[in-house]
């Protein structure tokens, strides 16, 4: 059981990491996974006083951008979290079946906590923050997740030749 959960989490981390990668980054990662057959013949001695230009100016490579503005993505994220079961197809598409099942259990427990909190007699010792805190975190994380998975990578040109 524990290994299945660990495997699901590792798979999910790899999938989330892939959303932020460009096409060339994915191909380099695949080459690293398959193993590098060409070892460098000689090693270069790097001078420690040199500064990496990327650290000063920023990266020269474009990163994946979201499809929509952040306001629209925030609204979509909140709606997808509040109505979680109704967006099950989307959640299954961007997560795995195991992760979706865990999120559904958490969602149902939060709904049960709201119902129990509201139906209990008024003078009870449960603070409102214990009920609202997990709901707020799920809304926040669901919105962030929606923004992460909405990135698009620029498509390579279809043909190198052709009309201008």
C-alpha atoms as a PDB file:
ATOM      1  CA  UNK A   1       0.000   0.000   0.000  1.00  0.00           C
ATOM      2  CA  UNK A   2       2.749   2.436   0.966  1.00  0.00           C
ATOM      3  CA  UNK A   3       4.734   1.679  -2.193  1.00  0.00           C
ATOM      4  CA  UNK A   4       1.673   2.319  -4.385  1.00  0.00           C
ATOM      5  CA  UNK A   5       1.161   5.708  -2.747  1.00  0.00           C
ATOM      6  CA  UNK A   6       4.868   6.515  -3.130  1.00  0.00           C
ATOM      7  CA  UNK A   7       4.774   5.449  -6.785  1.00  0.00           C
ATOM      8  CA  UNK A   8       1.716   7.651  -7.365  1.00  0.00           C
ATOM      9  CA  UNK A   9       3.406  10.643  -5.733  1.00  0.00           C
ATOM     10  CA  UNK A  10       6.612  10.159  -7.749  1.00  0.00           C
ATOM     11  CA  UNK A  11       4.586   9.844 -10.958  1.00  0.00           C
ATOM     12  CA  UNK A  12       2.637  12.993 -10.080  1.00  0.00           C
ATOM     13  CA  UNK A  13       5.823  14.966  -9.360  1.00  0.00           C
ATOM     14  CA  UNK A  14       7.285  13.963 -12.732  1.00  0.00           C
ATOM     15  CA  UNK A  15       4.074  14.932 -14.504  1.00  0.00           C
ATOM     16  CA  UNK A  16       3.919  18.343 -12.790  1.00  0.00           C
ATOM     17  CA  UNK A  17       7.586  18.948 -13.582  1.00  0.00           C
ATOM     18  CA  UNK A  18       6.929  18.211 -17.254  1.00  0.00           C
ATOM     19  CA  UNK A  19       4.382  21.037 -17.554  1.00  0.00           C
ATOM     20  CA  UNK A  20       7.096  23.655 -17.107  1.00  0.00           C
ATOM     21  CA  UNK A  21       9.523  22.150 -19.611  1.00  0.00           C
ATOM     22  CA  UNK A  22      10.159  23.202 -23.162  1.00  0.00           C
ATOM     23  CA  UNK A  23      10.385  20.615 -25.934  1.00  0.00           C
ATOM     24  CA  UNK A  24      14.193  20.702 -25.967  1.00  0.00           C
ATOM     25  CA  UNK A  25      14.272  20.194 -22.170  1.00  0.00           C
ATOM     26  CA  UNK A  26      12.112  17.077 -22.495  1.00  0.00           C
ATOM     27  CA  UNK A  27      14.410  15.605 -25.161  1.00  0.00           C
ATOM     28  CA  UNK A  28      17.503  16.284 -23.027  1.00  0.00           C
ATOM     29  CA  UNK A  29      15.805  14.670 -20.028  1.00  0.00           C
ATOM     30  CA  UNK A  30      14.922  11.595 -22.107  1.00  0.00           C
ATOM     31  CA  UNK A  31      18.562  11.299 -23.223  1.00  0.00           C
ATOM     32  CA  UNK A  32      19.693  11.497 -19.605  1.00  0.00           C
ATOM     33  CA  UNK A  33      17.230   8.800 -18.600  1.00  0.00           C
ATOM     34  CA  UNK A  34      18.423   6.486 -21.393  1.00  0.00           C
ATOM     35  CA  UNK A  35      22.013   7.114 -20.397  1.00  0.00           C
ATOM     36  CA  UNK A  36      24.775   9.079 -21.973  1.00  0.00           C
ATOM     37  CA  UNK A  37      27.001   6.881 -24.083  1.00  0.00           C
ATOM     38  CA  UNK A  38      29.465   9.586 -25.046  1.00  0.00           C
ATOM     39  CA  UNK A  39      31.648  10.444 -22.113  1.00  0.00           C
ATOM     40  CA  UNK A  40      33.752  13.585 -22.393  1.00  0.00           C
ATOM     41  CA  UNK A  41      37.301  12.724 -23.425  1.00  0.00           C
ATOM     42  CA  UNK A  42      38.926  15.472 -21.388  1.00  0.00           C
ATOM     43  CA  UNK A  43      37.730  17.618 -18.561  1.00  0.00           C
ATOM     44  CA  UNK A  44      38.017  21.387 -18.677  1.00  0.00           C
ATOM     45  CA  UNK A  45      39.194  23.363 -15.692  1.00  0.00           C
ATOM     46  CA  UNK A  46      36.707  26.146 -15.039  1.00  0.00           C
ATOM     47  CA  UNK A  47      38.008  29.311 -13.487  1.00  0.00           C
ATOM     48  CA  UNK A  48      36.116  30.008 -10.249  1.00  0.00           C
ATOM     49  CA  UNK A  49      36.188  33.771 -10.819  1.00  0.00           C
ATOM     50  CA  UNK A  50      33.943  33.559 -13.894  1.00  0.00           C
ATOM     51  CA  UNK A  51      30.297  34.487 -13.422  1.00  0.00           C
ATOM     52  CA  UNK A  52      27.529  32.724 -15.259  1.00  0.00           C
ATOM     53  CA  UNK A  53      25.764  35.193 -17.554  1.00  0.00           C
ATOM     54  CA  UNK A  54      22.395  33.555 -16.892  1.00  0.00           C
ATOM     55  CA  UNK A  55      22.733  34.418 -13.219  1.00  0.00           C
ATOM     56  CA  UNK A  56      23.189  38.089 -14.043  1.00  0.00           C
ATOM     57  CA  UNK A  57      20.775  38.585 -16.953  1.00  0.00           C
ATOM     58  CA  UNK A  58      18.329  35.751 -16.465  1.00  0.00           C
ATOM     59  CA  UNK A  59      17.769  32.718 -18.605  1.00  0.00           C
ATOM     60  CA  UNK A  60      17.835  33.149 -22.361  1.00  0.00           C
ATOM     61  CA  UNK A  61      15.381  30.302 -22.854  1.00  0.00           C
ATOM     62  CA  UNK A  62      11.661  30.945 -22.959  1.00  0.00           C
ATOM     63  CA  UNK A  63       9.573  29.182 -20.344  1.00  0.00           C
ATOM     64  CA  UNK A  64       6.103  27.757 -20.789  1.00  0.00           C
ATOM     65  CA  UNK A  65       3.369  30.352 -20.451  1.00  0.00           C
ATOM     66  CA  UNK A  66      -0.214  29.866 -19.220  1.00  0.00           C
ATOM     67  CA  UNK A  67      -2.972  29.669 -21.827  1.00  0.00           C
ATOM     68  CA  UNK A  68      -5.169  32.272 -20.135  1.00  0.00           C
ATOM     69  CA  UNK A  69      -4.696  35.297 -17.875  1.00  0.00           C
ATOM     70  CA  UNK A  70      -4.153  34.558 -14.192  1.00  0.00           C
ATOM     71  CA  UNK A  71      -7.594  35.935 -13.245  1.00  0.00           C
ATOM     72  CA  UNK A  72      -9.337  33.457 -15.494  1.00  0.00           C
ATOM     73  CA  UNK A  73      -7.131  30.610 -14.244  1.00  0.00           C
ATOM     74  CA  UNK A  74      -7.840  31.564 -10.636  1.00  0.00           C
ATOM     75  CA  UNK A  75     -11.588  31.522 -11.282  1.00  0.00           C
ATOM     76  CA  UNK A  76     -11.336  28.158 -13.077  1.00  0.00           C
ATOM     77  CA  UNK A  77      -9.264  26.740 -10.227  1.00  0.00           C
ATOM     78  CA  UNK A  78     -11.726  27.836  -7.554  1.00  0.00           C
ATOM     79  CA  UNK A  79     -14.686  26.465  -9.521  1.00  0.00           C
ATOM     80  CA  UNK A  80     -12.879  23.159 -10.142  1.00  0.00           C
ATOM     81  CA  UNK A  81     -12.126  22.778  -6.436  1.00  0.00           C
ATOM     82  CA  UNK A  82     -15.544  23.847  -5.122  1.00  0.00           C
ATOM     83  CA  UNK A  83     -17.344  21.530  -7.561  1.00  0.00           C
ATOM     84  CA  UNK A  84     -14.636  18.852  -7.404  1.00  0.00           C
ATOM     85  CA  UNK A  85     -16.769  15.762  -8.193  1.00  0.00           C
ATOM     86  CA  UNK A  86     -18.328  17.431 -11.239  1.00  0.00           C
ATOM     87  CA  UNK A  87     -14.882  18.021 -12.757  1.00  0.00           C
ATOM     88  CA  UNK A  88     -13.685  14.463 -12.143  1.00  0.00           C
ATOM     89  CA  UNK A  89     -12.779  13.922 -15.815  1.00  0.00           C
ATOM     90  CA  UNK A  90     -10.480  16.977 -15.779  1.00  0.00           C
ATOM     91  CA  UNK A  91      -8.876  15.994 -12.450  1.00  0.00           C
ATOM     92  CA  UNK A  92      -8.269  12.462 -13.728  1.00  0.00           C
ATOM     93  CA  UNK A  93      -6.681  13.916 -16.854  1.00  0.00           C
ATOM     94  CA  UNK A  94      -4.201  16.122 -14.973  1.00  0.00           C
ATOM     95  CA  UNK A  95      -3.546  13.732 -12.060  1.00  0.00           C
ATOM     96  CA  UNK A  96      -3.558   9.979 -11.634  1.00  0.00           C
ATOM     97  CA  UNK A  97      -6.425   7.790 -10.459  1.00  0.00           C
ATOM     98  CA  UNK A  98      -4.791   7.298  -7.035  1.00  0.00           C
ATOM     99  CA  UNK A  99      -4.168  11.033  -6.496  1.00  0.00           C
ATOM    100  CA  UNK A 100      -7.725  11.798  -7.607  1.00  0.00           C
ATOM    101  CA  UNK A 101      -9.072   9.224  -5.143  1.00  0.00           C
ATOM    102  CA  UNK A 102      -7.112  10.796  -2.276  1.00  0.00           C
ATOM    103  CA  UNK A 103      -8.319  14.265  -3.240  1.00  0.00           C
ATOM    104  CA  UNK A 104     -11.914  13.030  -3.444  1.00  0.00           C
ATOM    105  CA  UNK A 105     -11.666  11.504   0.047  1.00  0.00           C
ATOM    106  CA  UNK A 106     -10.261  14.809   1.382  1.00  0.00           C
ATOM    107  CA  UNK A 107     -13.023  16.748  -0.379  1.00  0.00           C
ATOM    108  CA  UNK A 108     -15.741  14.517   1.108  1.00  0.00           C
ATOM    109  CA  UNK A 109     -14.204  14.807   4.575  1.00  0.00           C
ATOM    110  CA  UNK A 110     -14.213  18.603   4.265  1.00  0.00           C
ATOM    111  CA  UNK A 111     -17.859  18.600   3.204  1.00  0.00           C
ATOM    112  CA  UNK A 112     -18.677  16.348   6.175  1.00  0.00           C
ATOM    113  CA  UNK A 113     -16.768  18.709   8.496  1.00  0.00           C
ATOM    114  CA  UNK A 114     -18.808  21.683   7.238  1.00  0.00           C
ATOM    115  CA  UNK A 115     -22.086  19.801   7.686  1.00  0.00           C
ATOM    116  CA  UNK A 116     -21.160  18.635  11.194  1.00  0.00           C
ATOM    117  CA  UNK A 117     -19.940  22.094  12.205  1.00  0.00           C
ATOM    118  CA  UNK A 118     -23.136  23.788  11.007  1.00  0.00           C
ATOM    119  CA  UNK A 119     -25.490  21.140  12.423  1.00  0.00           C
ATOM    120  CA  UNK A 120     -23.896  21.005  15.883  1.00  0.00           C
ATOM    121  CA  UNK A 121     -25.539  23.014  18.677  1.00  0.00           C
ATOM    122  CA  UNK A 122     -24.254  26.573  18.916  1.00  0.00           C
ATOM    123  CA  UNK A 123     -22.031  26.482  22.028  1.00  0.00           C
ATOM    124  CA  UNK A 124     -19.359  24.023  20.923  1.00  0.00           C
ATOM    125  CA  UNK A 125     -15.624  24.096  21.488  1.00  0.00           C
ATOM    126  CA  UNK A 126     -14.552  23.661  17.850  1.00  0.00           C
ATOM    127  CA  UNK A 127     -13.014  26.833  16.416  1.00  0.00           C
ATOM    128  CA  UNK A 128     -14.096  27.918  12.940  1.00  0.00           C
ATOM    129  CA  UNK A 129     -10.471  27.967  11.765  1.00  0.00           C
ATOM    130  CA  UNK A 130     -10.240  24.176  12.108  1.00  0.00           C
ATOM    131  CA  UNK A 131     -13.008  23.828   9.550  1.00  0.00           C
ATOM    132  CA  UNK A 132     -12.108  26.721   7.252  1.00  0.00           C
ATOM    133  CA  UNK A 133      -8.314  26.113   7.279  1.00  0.00           C
ATOM    134  CA  UNK A 134      -8.287  22.871   5.248  1.00  0.00           C
ATOM    135  CA  UNK A 135     -10.904  24.264   2.873  1.00  0.00           C
ATOM    136  CA  UNK A 136      -8.804  27.384   2.300  1.00  0.00           C
ATOM    137  CA  UNK A 137      -5.699  25.262   1.674  1.00  0.00           C
ATOM    138  CA  UNK A 138      -7.504  23.024  -0.812  1.00  0.00           C
ATOM    139  CA  UNK A 139      -8.813  26.088  -2.669  1.00  0.00           C
ATOM    140  CA  UNK A 140      -5.340  27.599  -2.755  1.00  0.00           C
ATOM    141  CA  UNK A 141      -3.555  24.428  -3.849  1.00  0.00           C
ATOM    142  CA  UNK A 142      -6.230  23.587  -6.414  1.00  0.00           C
ATOM    143  CA  UNK A 143      -5.919  27.051  -7.919  1.00  0.00           C
ATOM    144  CA  UNK A 144      -2.133  26.797  -8.059  1.00  0.00           C
ATOM    145  CA  UNK A 145      -2.434  23.343  -9.617  1.00  0.00           C
ATOM    146  CA  UNK A 146      -4.823  24.709 -12.246  1.00  0.00           C
ATOM    147  CA  UNK A 147      -2.300  27.417 -13.119  1.00  0.00           C
ATOM    148  CA  UNK A 148       0.570  24.923 -13.329  1.00  0.00           C
ATOM    149  CA  UNK A 149      -1.204  22.517 -15.668  1.00  0.00           C
ATOM    150  CA  UNK A 150      -2.516  25.264 -17.926  1.00  0.00           C
ATOM    151  CA  UNK A 151       0.906  26.012 -19.396  1.00  0.00           C
ATOM    152  CA  UNK A 152       1.414  25.590 -23.085  1.00  0.00           C
ATOM    153  CA  UNK A 153       4.683  24.974 -24.814  1.00  0.00           C
ATOM    154  CA  UNK A 154       5.334  26.722 -28.105  1.00  0.00           C
ATOM    155  CA  UNK A 155       4.756  24.377 -31.012  1.00  0.00           C
ATOM    156  CA  UNK A 156       7.670  23.806 -33.392  1.00  0.00           C
ATOM    157  CA  UNK A 157       7.123  25.107 -36.935  1.00  0.00           C
ATOM    158  CA  UNK A 158       5.365  22.559 -39.138  1.00  0.00           C
ATOM    159  CA  UNK A 159       7.655  22.850 -42.113  1.00  0.00           C
ATOM    160  CA  UNK A 160      11.045  24.363 -42.577  1.00  0.00           C
ATOM    161  CA  UNK A 161      10.425  25.184 -46.227  1.00  0.00           C
ATOM    162  CA  UNK A 162       7.388  26.724 -47.813  1.00  0.00           C
ATOM    163  CA  UNK A 163       5.910  30.052 -48.745  1.00  0.00           C
ATOM    164  CA  UNK A 164       6.818  33.205 -46.918  1.00  0.00           C
END
